[in-house]
Each structure stands twice: as structure tokens, then as C-alpha cells.
Amino acid sequence: MTTIQIRIDEKTKNTAKKVLDELGLDMSAAIKMYLKQIAIRNGIPLQLLTENGLTLEQERNILKASEEAKKGKNVTKPLSHKEALEYLD
């Protein structure tokens, strides 16, 4: 076994601890689970979202579409929220 030390802001630590307590896990067990999943999957075992709740790819696509629309390219009828998300994926 080896020891890992991390630095994290107090608010994030306390919020995470509260969630983990409700799940019956301590911080050490949760971090071990996370690191094991990284090793098993050979990558990050979760979907990273931006502040807007979108994946990085979705946000990039929105920015690209916005720039194209400003130039009058690829402009079509308005989409519903569901259609827009399907289009972005």
C-alpha cells in the first residue's frame, strides 16, 4: 500500500463527505474505488460536464454552431430542446 495526499478546498471536501456518509463510504474508500476504476477502464470513469451541464463536446458543438449561425451557415428551423440535444450528440 502507498499513501496519497491531496489538496482540496474545504467546501468541496465537506460536501463530498456529506454525500459519502449518506452512502456509507468514507473518503478513503471512495478515492480507492475511483482510482481502481481509472485503472480498469484506462480512463476517467465518469462523464465530465461543464458549468452548463453539458459535455465538453456538446459545448464545443454549440459554440461552433453559434459561430456558423452568425455567418448565416447551416441555419435551419428552430429545434426543440430534445432535438437540439440529439443533434449535439
Protein backbone atom coordinates (compact mmCIF):
# COMPACT_ATOMS: atom_id res chain seq x y z
CA MET A 1 0.00 0.00 0.00
CA THR A 2 1.01 3.59 -0.59
CA THR A 3 -0.24 6.91 0.76
CA ILE A 4 -1.58 9.75 -1.37
CA GLN A 5 -2.15 13.28 -0.10
CA ILE A 6 -4.37 15.74 -1.95
CA ARG A 7 -5.21 19.39 -1.52
CA ILE A 8 -8.83 20.41 -1.98
CA ASP A 9 -10.95 23.32 -0.87
CA GLU A 10 -12.88 22.87 2.37
CA LYS A 11 -16.33 23.34 0.81
CA THR A 12 -15.81 20.58 -1.77
CA LYS A 13 -14.40 18.23 0.87
CA ASN A 14 -17.31 18.82 3.24
CA THR A 15 -19.95 18.45 0.52
CA ALA A 16 -18.34 15.23 -0.74
CA LYS A 17 -18.04 13.88 2.81
CA LYS A 18 -21.73 14.50 3.41
CA VAL A 19 -22.68 12.57 0.26
CA LEU A 20 -20.27 9.75 1.06
CA ASP A 21 -21.59 9.50 4.63
CA GLU A 22 -25.10 9.03 3.22
CA LEU A 23 -23.75 6.24 1.01
CA GLY A 24 -21.94 4.59 3.91
CA LEU A 25 -18.49 5.28 2.46
CA ASP A 26 -15.52 7.12 3.85
CA MET A 27 -13.32 9.40 1.75
CA SER A 28 -10.51 6.84 1.55
CA ALA A 29 -12.80 4.07 0.26
CA ALA A 30 -14.37 6.39 -2.34
CA ILE A 31 -10.98 7.53 -3.63
CA LYS A 32 -9.76 3.90 -3.81
CA MET A 33 -12.88 2.99 -5.83
CA TYR A 34 -12.29 5.91 -8.17
CA LEU A 35 -8.61 5.07 -8.75
CA LYS A 36 -9.39 1.37 -9.31
CA GLN A 37 -11.97 2.32 -11.95
CA ILE A 38 -9.42 4.56 -13.71
CA ALA A 39 -7.03 1.60 -13.83
CA ILE A 40 -9.72 -0.85 -15.02
CA ARG A 41 -11.14 1.45 -17.71
CA ASN A 42 -7.82 3.02 -18.64
CA GLY A 43 -9.53 6.41 -18.40
CA ILE A 44 -11.72 8.65 -16.28
CA PRO A 45 -14.79 6.65 -15.13
CA LEU A 46 -17.28 9.47 -15.30
CA GLN A 47 -18.70 11.96 -17.74
CA LEU A 48 -17.18 15.40 -17.25
CA LEU A 49 -19.68 18.25 -17.55
CA THR A 50 -19.24 21.99 -17.90
CA GLU A 51 -20.90 24.55 -15.64
CA ASN A 52 -23.85 24.44 -18.05
CA GLY A 53 -24.40 20.70 -17.51
CA LEU A 54 -23.14 19.82 -20.98
CA THR A 55 -20.30 17.58 -22.07
CA LEU A 56 -17.23 19.33 -23.44
CA GLU A 57 -18.10 18.04 -26.91
CA GLN A 58 -21.67 19.38 -26.69
CA GLU A 59 -20.40 22.78 -25.58
CA ARG A 60 -17.85 22.89 -28.41
CA ASN A 61 -20.60 21.97 -30.90
CA ILE A 62 -22.85 24.74 -29.57
CA LEU A 63 -20.07 27.31 -29.89
CA LYS A 64 -19.29 26.10 -33.42
CA ALA A 65 -22.97 26.20 -34.41
CA SER A 66 -23.31 29.67 -32.91
CA GLU A 67 -20.37 30.95 -34.94
CA GLU A 68 -21.75 29.33 -38.10
CA ALA A 69 -25.21 30.83 -37.48
CA LYS A 70 -23.68 34.29 -37.09
CA LYS A 71 -22.18 33.79 -40.56
CA GLY A 72 -25.51 32.52 -41.95
CA LYS A 73 -24.21 28.96 -42.39
CA ASN A 74 -26.22 25.83 -41.59
CA VAL A 75 -29.25 27.81 -40.41
CA THR A 76 -32.44 25.74 -40.23
CA LYS A 77 -35.79 25.90 -38.48
CA PRO A 78 -35.66 26.18 -34.68
CA LEU A 79 -35.26 22.87 -32.86
CA SER A 80 -36.95 21.72 -29.68
CA HIS A 81 -34.72 21.23 -26.64
CA LYS A 82 -34.80 17.45 -27.18
CA GLU A 83 -33.98 17.79 -30.89
CA ALA A 84 -31.10 20.14 -30.08
CA LEU A 85 -29.55 17.70 -27.59
CA GLU A 86 -29.95 14.81 -30.06
CA TYR A 87 -28.28 16.94 -32.73
CA LEU A 88 -25.36 17.76 -30.44
CA ASP A 89 -24.69 14.10 -29.63
